[in-house]
C-alpha atoms as a PDB file:
ATOM      1  CA  MET A   1       9.818  16.171  29.469  1.00  0.00           C
ATOM      2  CA  LYS A   2       8.179  17.497  26.528  1.00  0.00           C
ATOM      3  CA  ASN A   3      11.049  17.966  24.376  1.00  0.00           C
ATOM      4  CA  ARG A   4      12.067  14.140  25.722  1.00  0.00           C
ATOM      5  CA  LYS A   5       8.884  12.674  24.665  1.00  0.00           C
ATOM      6  CA  LYS A   6       9.106  14.344  21.502  1.00  0.00           C
ATOM      7  CA  GLN A   7      12.670  12.829  20.969  1.00  0.00           C
ATOM      8  CA  ASP A   8      11.697   9.415  22.171  1.00  0.00           C
ATOM      9  CA  ASN A   9       8.795   9.642  19.690  1.00  0.00           C
ATOM     10  CA  ALA A  10      11.098  10.371  16.598  1.00  0.00           C
ATOM     11  CA  THR A  11      13.565   7.420  17.168  1.00  0.00           C
ATOM     12  CA  ALA A  12      11.032   4.996  18.172  1.00  0.00           C
ATOM     13  CA  GLN A  13      10.642   2.038  16.231  1.00  0.00           C
ATOM     14  CA  SER A  14       7.237   1.383  14.510  1.00  0.00           C
ATOM     15  CA  ALA A  15       6.346   0.087  10.971  1.00  0.00           C
ATOM     16  CA  ILE A  16       3.901   0.374   7.921  1.00  0.00           C
ATOM     17  CA  TYR A  17       3.171  -2.227   5.603  1.00  0.00           C
ATOM     18  CA  VAL A  18       3.217  -2.112   1.618  1.00  0.00           C
ATOM     19  CA  GLY A  19       0.381  -4.335  -0.179  1.00  0.00           C
ATOM     20  CA  PHE A  20       1.382  -5.434  -3.712  1.00  0.00           C
ATOM     21  CA  VAL A  21      -1.482  -6.657  -5.768  1.00  0.00           C
ATOM     22  CA  ASP A  22      -1.602  -8.790  -8.426  1.00  0.00           C
ATOM     23  CA  THR A  23      -4.982  -7.888 -10.207  1.00  0.00           C
ATOM     24  CA  PRO A  24      -7.008  -9.454 -13.014  1.00  0.00           C
ATOM     25  CA  GLY A  25      -8.390  -7.657 -16.048  1.00  0.00           C
ATOM     26  CA  LEU A  26      -7.302  -5.726 -19.452  1.00  0.00           C
ATOM     27  CA  PHE A  27      -5.833  -2.752 -17.773  1.00  0.00           C
ATOM     28  CA  ALA A  28      -3.884  -4.378 -15.314  1.00  0.00           C
ATOM     29  CA  SER A  29      -2.577  -6.788 -17.820  1.00  0.00           C
ATOM     30  CA  ILE A  30      -0.960  -3.661 -20.012  1.00  0.00           C
ATOM     31  CA  ILE A  31       0.452  -2.406 -16.866  1.00  0.00           C
ATOM     32  CA  ARG A  32       2.165  -5.641 -16.502  1.00  0.00           C
ATOM     33  CA  ARG A  33       3.798  -5.936 -19.807  1.00  0.00           C
ATOM     34  CA  VAL A  34       5.036  -2.399 -19.508  1.00  0.00           C
ATOM     35  CA  ILE A  35       6.650  -3.037 -16.075  1.00  0.00           C
ATOM     36  CA  GLY A  36       7.241  -6.670 -16.084  1.00  0.00           C
ATOM     37  CA  GLN A  37       6.105  -7.598 -13.257  1.00  0.00           C
ATOM     38  CA  ASN A  38       2.938  -9.631 -11.934  1.00  0.00           C
ATOM     39  CA  TYR A  39       2.384  -6.928  -8.985  1.00  0.00           C
ATOM     40  CA  VAL A  40       0.488  -3.829 -10.541  1.00  0.00           C
ATOM     41  CA  HIS A  41      -0.998  -2.017  -7.853  1.00  0.00           C
ATOM     42  CA  VAL A  42       0.778  -1.041  -4.417  1.00  0.00           C
ATOM     43  CA  VAL A  43      -1.176  -0.107  -1.189  1.00  0.00           C
ATOM     44  CA  LEU A  44      -0.029   1.814   1.717  1.00  0.00           C
ATOM     45  CA  GLY A  45      -1.446   0.184   4.780  1.00  0.00           C
ATOM     46  CA  PHE A  46      -0.854   0.661   8.955  1.00  0.00           C
ATOM     47  CA  ASP A  47      -1.607  -2.953   9.762  1.00  0.00           C
ATOM     48  CA  PRO A  48      -0.436  -6.360   8.573  1.00  0.00           C
ATOM     49  CA  GLU A  49      -3.993  -7.114   6.853  1.00  0.00           C
ATOM     50  CA  LEU A  50      -4.526  -4.194   5.405  1.00  0.00           C
ATOM     51  CA  LYS A  51      -7.636  -3.288   6.979  1.00  0.00           C
ATOM     52  CA  GLU A  52      -6.533   0.311   6.908  1.00  0.00           C
ATOM     53  CA  ALA A  53      -5.109   0.870   3.661  1.00  0.00           C
ATOM     54  CA  TYR A  54      -4.800   3.629   1.012  1.00  0.00           C
ATOM     55  CA  SER A  55      -4.180   3.932  -2.605  1.00  0.00           C
ATOM     56  CA  ILE A  56      -4.961   5.594  -5.669  1.00  0.00           C
ATOM     57  CA  GLY A  57      -7.033   3.115  -6.993  1.00  0.00           C
ATOM     58  CA  ARG A  58     -10.050   1.854  -8.713  1.00  0.00           C
ATOM     59  CA  ARG A  59     -13.365   3.566  -6.675  1.00  0.00           C
ATOM     60  CA  ASN A  60     -15.339   0.781  -8.048  1.00  0.00           C
ATOM     61  CA  PRO A  61     -13.409  -2.820  -8.585  1.00  0.00           C
ATOM     62  CA  ALA A  62     -15.702  -3.547 -11.547  1.00  0.00           C
ATOM     63  CA  ILE A  63     -14.960  -0.045 -13.313  1.00  0.00           C
ATOM     64  CA  PRO A  64     -10.999   0.409 -13.873  1.00  0.00           C
ATOM     65  CA  LEU A  65     -10.995   3.628 -15.226  1.00  0.00           C
ATOM     66  CA  PHE A  66     -13.119   5.491 -12.499  1.00  0.00           C
ATOM     67  CA  ALA A  67     -10.067   5.693 -10.288  1.00  0.00           C
ATOM     68  CA  GLY A  68      -8.704   8.087  -7.809  1.00  0.00           C
ATOM     69  CA  PHE A  69      -7.839   8.268  -4.098  1.00  0.00           C
ATOM     70  CA  GLU A  70      -9.308   5.626  -2.074  1.00  0.00           C
ATOM     71  CA  ARG A  71      -9.344   3.860   0.916  1.00  0.00           C
ATOM     72  CA  GLU A  72      -8.952  -0.020   0.131  1.00  0.00           C
ATOM     73  CA  ASN A  73     -12.286  -1.891   0.934  1.00  0.00           C
ATOM     74  CA  ARG A  74     -10.882  -5.672   0.793  1.00  0.00           C
ATOM     75  CA  GLU A  75     -14.412  -7.420   0.946  1.00  0.00           C
ATOM     76  CA  LYS A  76     -15.552  -5.167  -1.829  1.00  0.00           C
ATOM     77  CA  ILE A  77     -12.545  -6.095  -3.863  1.00  0.00           C
ATOM     78  CA  LEU A  78     -12.862 -10.016  -2.373  1.00  0.00           C
ATOM     79  CA  LYS A  79     -16.401  -9.588  -4.095  1.00  0.00           C
ATOM     80  CA  LYS A  80     -14.940  -8.920  -7.611  1.00  0.00           C
ATOM     81  CA  TYR A  81     -11.357 -10.367  -7.284  1.00  0.00           C
ATOM     82  CA  PRO A  82     -11.407 -13.234  -4.836  1.00  0.00           C
ATOM     83  CA  THR A  83      -8.349 -14.836  -6.373  1.00  0.00           C
ATOM     84  CA  ALA A  84      -6.380 -11.297  -6.427  1.00  0.00           C
ATOM     85  CA  ARG A  85      -2.407 -12.210  -5.086  1.00  0.00           C
ATOM     86  CA  TYR A  86      -1.385 -10.146  -2.684  1.00  0.00           C
ATOM     87  CA  GLN A  87       1.989 -10.007  -1.024  1.00  0.00           C
ATOM     88  CA  ILE A  88       2.315  -7.337   2.248  1.00  0.00           C
ATOM     89  CA  CYS A  89       5.540  -6.184   3.588  1.00  0.00           C
ATOM     90  CA  ARG A  90       6.295  -4.829   6.775  1.00  0.00           C
ATOM     91  CA  VAL A  91       8.829  -1.361   6.266  1.00  0.00           C
ATOM     92  CA  ALA A  92      10.315  -0.034   9.500  1.00  0.00           C
ATOM     93  CA  CYS A  93      10.044   3.388  10.253  1.00  0.00           C
ATOM     94  CA  THR A  94       9.807   5.974  13.273  1.00  0.00           C
ATOM     95  CA  ASN A  95       6.556   6.262  15.274  1.00  0.00           C
ATOM     96  CA  VAL A  96       6.739  10.463  13.959  1.00  0.00           C
ATOM     97  CA  GLN A  97       7.290   8.713  10.105  1.00  0.00           C
ATOM     98  CA  ARG A  98       4.317   6.698  10.956  1.00  0.00           C
ATOM     99  CA  GLU A  99       2.017   9.307  12.210  1.00  0.00           C
ATOM    100  CA  ALA A 100       2.800  11.714   9.332  1.00  0.00           C
ATOM    101  CA  LEU A 101       1.909   9.106   6.872  1.00  0.00           C
ATOM    102  CA  GLN A 102      -1.396   8.720   8.630  1.00  0.00           C
ATOM    103  CA  GLN A 103      -1.773  12.273   8.548  1.00  0.00           C
ATOM    104  CA  GLU A 104      -1.012  12.552   4.669  1.00  0.00           C
ATOM    105  CA  ALA A 105      -3.827   9.730   4.174  1.00  0.00           C
ATOM    106  CA  LYS A 106      -6.090  11.471   6.298  1.00  0.00           C
ATOM    107  CA  THR A 107      -6.024  14.718   4.206  1.00  0.00           C
ATOM    108  CA  GLU A 108      -5.991  12.975   1.100  1.00  0.00           C
ATOM    109  CA  TRP A 109      -9.223  10.638   2.105  1.00  0.00           C
ATOM    110  CA  GLU A 110     -10.692  13.995   3.069  1.00  0.00           C
ATOM    111  CA  ARG A 111     -10.508  15.666  -0.298  1.00  0.00           C
ATOM    112  CA  ARG A 112     -10.546  12.348  -1.890  1.00  0.00           C
ATOM    113  CA  PHE A 113     -12.683  13.295  -4.990  1.00  0.00           C
ATOM    114  CA  THR A 114     -10.355  15.600  -6.262  1.00  0.00           C
ATOM    115  CA  HIS A 115      -7.453  13.637  -6.574  1.00  0.00           C
ATOM    116  CA  HIS A 116      -7.631  11.320  -9.447  1.00  0.00           C
ATOM    117  CA  TYR A 117      -5.594   8.471 -11.383  1.00  0.00           C
ATOM    118  CA  MET A 118      -3.464   9.964 -13.561  1.00  0.00           C
ATOM    119  CA  VAL A 119      -4.064   7.964 -16.676  1.00  0.00           C
ATOM    120  CA  ILE A 120      -2.724  10.379 -19.336  1.00  0.00           C
ATOM    121  CA  GLY A 121       0.439   9.873 -17.325  1.00  0.00           C
ATOM    122  CA  LEU A 122       0.878   6.380 -18.499  1.00  0.00           C
ATOM    123  CA  VAL A 123       1.383   7.312 -22.035  1.00  0.00           C
ATOM    124  CA  PHE A 124       4.141   9.736 -21.044  1.00  0.00           C
ATOM    125  CA  LEU A 125       5.849   7.109 -18.710  1.00  0.00           C
ATOM    126  CA  LEU A 126       5.981   4.435 -21.670  1.00  0.00           C
ATOM    127  CA  ALA A 127       8.143   7.422 -23.380  1.00  0.00           C
ATOM    128  CA  GLY A 128      10.286   8.066 -20.041  1.00  0.00           C
ATOM    129  CA  ILE A 129       8.977  11.576 -19.655  1.00  0.00           C
ATOM    130  CA  ALA A 130       8.024  12.610 -16.439  1.00  0.00           C
ATOM    131  CA  PHE A 131       4.805  14.327 -16.786  1.00  0.00           C
ATOM    132  CA  ASP A 132       3.092  16.015 -13.536  1.00  0.00           C
ATOM    133  CA  GLN A 133      -0.520  16.530 -13.565  1.00  0.00           C
ATOM    134  CA  LYS A 134      -1.785  18.854 -10.484  1.00  0.00           C
ATOM    135  CA  ASN A 135      -3.810  16.637  -8.372  1.00  0.00           C
ATOM    136  CA  HIS A 136      -3.412  13.399 -10.519  1.00  0.00           C
ATOM    137  CA  ASP A 137      -1.244  10.265  -9.175  1.00  0.00           C
ATOM    138  CA  THR A 138      -0.516   6.824 -10.288  1.00  0.00           C
ATOM    139  CA  CYS A 139      -0.977   4.101  -7.144  1.00  0.00           C
ATOM    140  CA  SER A 140       3.238   4.299  -7.158  1.00  0.00           C
ATOM    141  CA  SER A 141       3.732   7.726  -7.592  1.00  0.00           C
ATOM    142  CA  TRP A 142       1.724   8.764  -4.640  1.00  0.00           C
ATOM    143  CA  LEU A 143       3.550   6.220  -2.250  1.00  0.00           C
ATOM    144  CA  ALA A 144       6.938   7.383  -3.473  1.00  0.00           C
ATOM    145  CA  ARG A 145       5.517  11.403  -2.825  1.00  0.00           C
ATOM    146  CA  VAL A 146       4.429  10.651   0.896  1.00  0.00           C
ATOM    147  CA  THR A 147       6.793   8.001   1.949  1.00  0.00           C
ATOM    148  CA  GLN A 148       9.727  10.900   0.803  1.00  0.00           C
ATOM    149  CA  LYS A 149       8.075  13.580   1.968  1.00  0.00           C
ATOM    150  CA  VAL A 150       8.094  12.163   5.625  1.00  0.00           C
ATOM    151  CA  GLY A 151      11.653  10.926   5.343  1.00  0.00           C
ATOM    152  CA  LEU A 152      11.307   7.305   4.937  1.00  0.00           C
ATOM    153  CA  GLN A 153      12.376   6.714   1.448  1.00  0.00           C
ATOM    154  CA  GLU A 154      14.430   8.457  -0.970  1.00  0.00           C
ATOM    155  CA  TRP A 155      13.755   7.847  -4.683  1.00  0.00           C
ATOM    156  CA  GLN A 156      16.127   8.008  -7.665  1.00  0.00           C
ATOM    157  CA  LYS A 157      13.473   9.178 -10.237  1.00  0.00           C
ATOM    158  CA  PRO A 158      10.893  11.806 -10.558  1.00  0.00           C
ATOM    159  CA  PHE A 159       7.456  10.337  -8.924  1.00  0.00           C
ATOM    160  CA  PRO A 160       5.311  10.301 -12.060  1.00  0.00           C
ATOM    161  CA  LEU A 161       8.351   7.579 -13.173  1.00  0.00           C
ATOM    162  CA  VAL A 162       8.213   5.452 -10.220  1.00  0.00           C
ATOM    163  CA  THR A 163       6.282   2.140 -11.015  1.00  0.00           C
ATOM    164  CA  PRO A 164       4.766  -0.547  -9.061  1.00  0.00           C
ATOM    165  CA  ARG A 165       8.511  -2.412  -9.819  1.00  0.00           C
ATOM    166  CA  ASP A 166      10.603   0.264  -8.494  1.00  0.00           C
ATOM    167  CA  VAL A 167       8.226   0.255  -5.104  1.00  0.00           C
ATOM    168  CA  TYR A 168       9.103  -3.757  -5.055  1.00  0.00           C
ATOM    169  CA  GLU A 169      12.338  -3.414  -5.543  1.00  0.00           C
ATOM    170  CA  GLN A 170      12.732  -0.595  -2.722  1.00  0.00           C
ATOM    171  CA  LEU A 171      10.289  -1.916  -0.341  1.00  0.00           C
ATOM    172  CA  GLY A 172       9.404  -5.362  -1.294  1.00  0.00           C
ATOM    173  CA  LYS A 173      10.260  -8.721   0.158  1.00  0.00           C
ATOM    174  CA  ASP A 174      13.838  -8.831  -1.707  1.00  0.00           C
ATOM    175  CA  SER A 175      14.787  -5.470  -0.402  1.00  0.00           C
ATOM    176  CA  CYS A 176      16.504  -4.179   2.362  1.00  0.00           C
ATOM    177  CA  ALA A 177      13.522  -2.531   3.753  1.00  0.00           C
ATOM    178  CA  GLY A 178      10.773  -4.805   3.258  1.00  0.00           C
ATOM    179  CA  THR A 179      10.041  -7.952   5.354  1.00  0.00           C
ATOM    180  CA  LEU A 180       7.228 -10.343   4.007  1.00  0.00           C
ATOM    181  CA  VAL A 181       4.129 -10.788   6.345  1.00  0.00           C
ATOM    182  CA  PHE A 182       1.751 -12.265   4.105  1.00  0.00           C
ATOM    183  CA  GLU A 183       1.826 -13.640   0.426  1.00  0.00           C
ATOM    184  CA  GLY A 184      -1.546 -15.634  -1.046  1.00  0.00           C
ATOM    185  CA  THR A 185      -4.648 -14.532  -2.401  1.00  0.00           C
ATOM    186  CA  LEU A 186      -7.229 -11.822  -1.171  1.00  0.00           C
ATOM    187  CA  ALA A 187      -9.637 -14.613   0.305  1.00  0.00           C
ATOM    188  CA  GLU A 188      -7.305 -16.059   1.885  1.00  0.00           C
ATOM    189  CA  LEU A 189      -6.106 -12.652   3.721  1.00  0.00           C
ATOM    190  CA  VAL A 190      -9.676 -11.862   4.301  1.00  0.00           C
ATOM    191  CA  GLU A 191     -10.797 -15.392   5.671  1.00  0.00           C
ATOM    192  CA  GLY A 192      -6.839 -15.253   7.716  1.00  0.00           C
ATOM    193  CA  SER A 193      -8.314 -12.058   9.385  1.00  0.00           C
ATOM    194  CA  ALA A 194     -11.649 -13.314  10.241  1.00  0.00           C
ATOM    195  CA  ALA A 195     -10.232 -16.514  12.133  1.00  0.00           C
ATOM    196  CA  GLY A 196      -7.691 -13.925  13.650  1.00  0.00           C
ATOM    197  CA  THR A 197     -10.236 -11.497  15.231  1.00  0.00           C
ATOM    198  CA  ALA A 198     -12.225 -14.808  16.314  1.00  0.00           C
ATOM    199  CA  ALA A 199      -9.223 -16.183  17.792  1.00  0.00           C
ATOM    200  CA  ALA A 200      -8.367 -12.960  19.848  1.00  0.00           C
ATOM    201  CA  SER A 201     -11.692 -13.018  21.127  1.00  0.00           C
ATOM    202  CA  GLU A 202     -11.628 -16.506  22.335  1.00  0.00           C
ATOM    203  CA  SER A 203      -8.155 -15.839  24.096  1.00  0.00           C
ATOM    204  CA  ALA A 204      -9.563 -12.027  25.558  1.00  0.00           C
ATOM    205  CA  GLY A 205      -8.573 -12.581  29.315  1.00  0.00           C
ATOM    206  CA  THR A 206      -6.439 -15.855  29.024  1.00  0.00           C
ATOM    207  CA  GLY A 207      -3.454 -14.361  28.662  1.00  0.00           C
ATOM    208  CA  ARG A 208      -2.699 -16.043  25.604  1.00  0.00           C
ATOM    209  CA  ASP A 209      -1.201 -13.925  22.447  1.00  0.00           C
ATOM    210  CA  TRP A 210      -2.532 -14.200  19.243  1.00  0.00           C
ATOM    211  CA  ARG A 211      -0.236 -13.198  16.100  1.00  0.00           C
ATOM    212  CA  PRO A 212      -1.025 -12.980  12.239  1.00  0.00           C
ATOM    213  CA  ARG A 213       0.154 -16.275  10.719  1.00  0.00           C
ATOM    214  CA  PRO A 214       3.620 -15.693   8.923  1.00  0.00           C
ATOM    215  CA  ALA A 215       3.769 -16.013   5.226  1.00  0.00           C
ATOM    216  CA  MET A 216       5.782 -19.386   3.976  1.00  0.00           C
ATOM    217  CA  ASN A 217       8.455 -18.634   1.788  1.00  0.00           C
END
């Protein structure tokens, strides 16, 4: 019975959510010009509203260079960048892959103050050189590492050379793997979550089913 349960869990379909973020600011504008795409930040999430989501990013939204592994805090980011635009895509995976990714994120969270943003790697990225620095990543190189580690996505270049544009092309809305579930500003995302929570609370025990409003193409 245990072996059957393991086998079922390995093949059962689940999902993760990848967020693509277009943030304002000078640092983001530099990355935007380099990769030729508005979405300059990527996030690994475990729900369609990114309430539980992780990335290599700013520890304080107001300070670009103070960055490392973080659990995304939507409310804190909202105060600084309410008009930041988001695309969130659903990516199918197995239960085993999802659980493995959650464990990877949990492990990184526990050692978050030793896992930093690879600022110097951006210089090498411009030169097309794969510079790998211990305990350092960009948002896209970390996402590439963990998704390949659990067997979800195979990347055709060294992790330090994976950019948000690569992630978008492989897991975004126009890829074979990604399905768009939200597109809009962070304020709309957070407000939609609050409305959904209220709707779910009101419909509890009534048999009505509440689901997030799908993205409009």
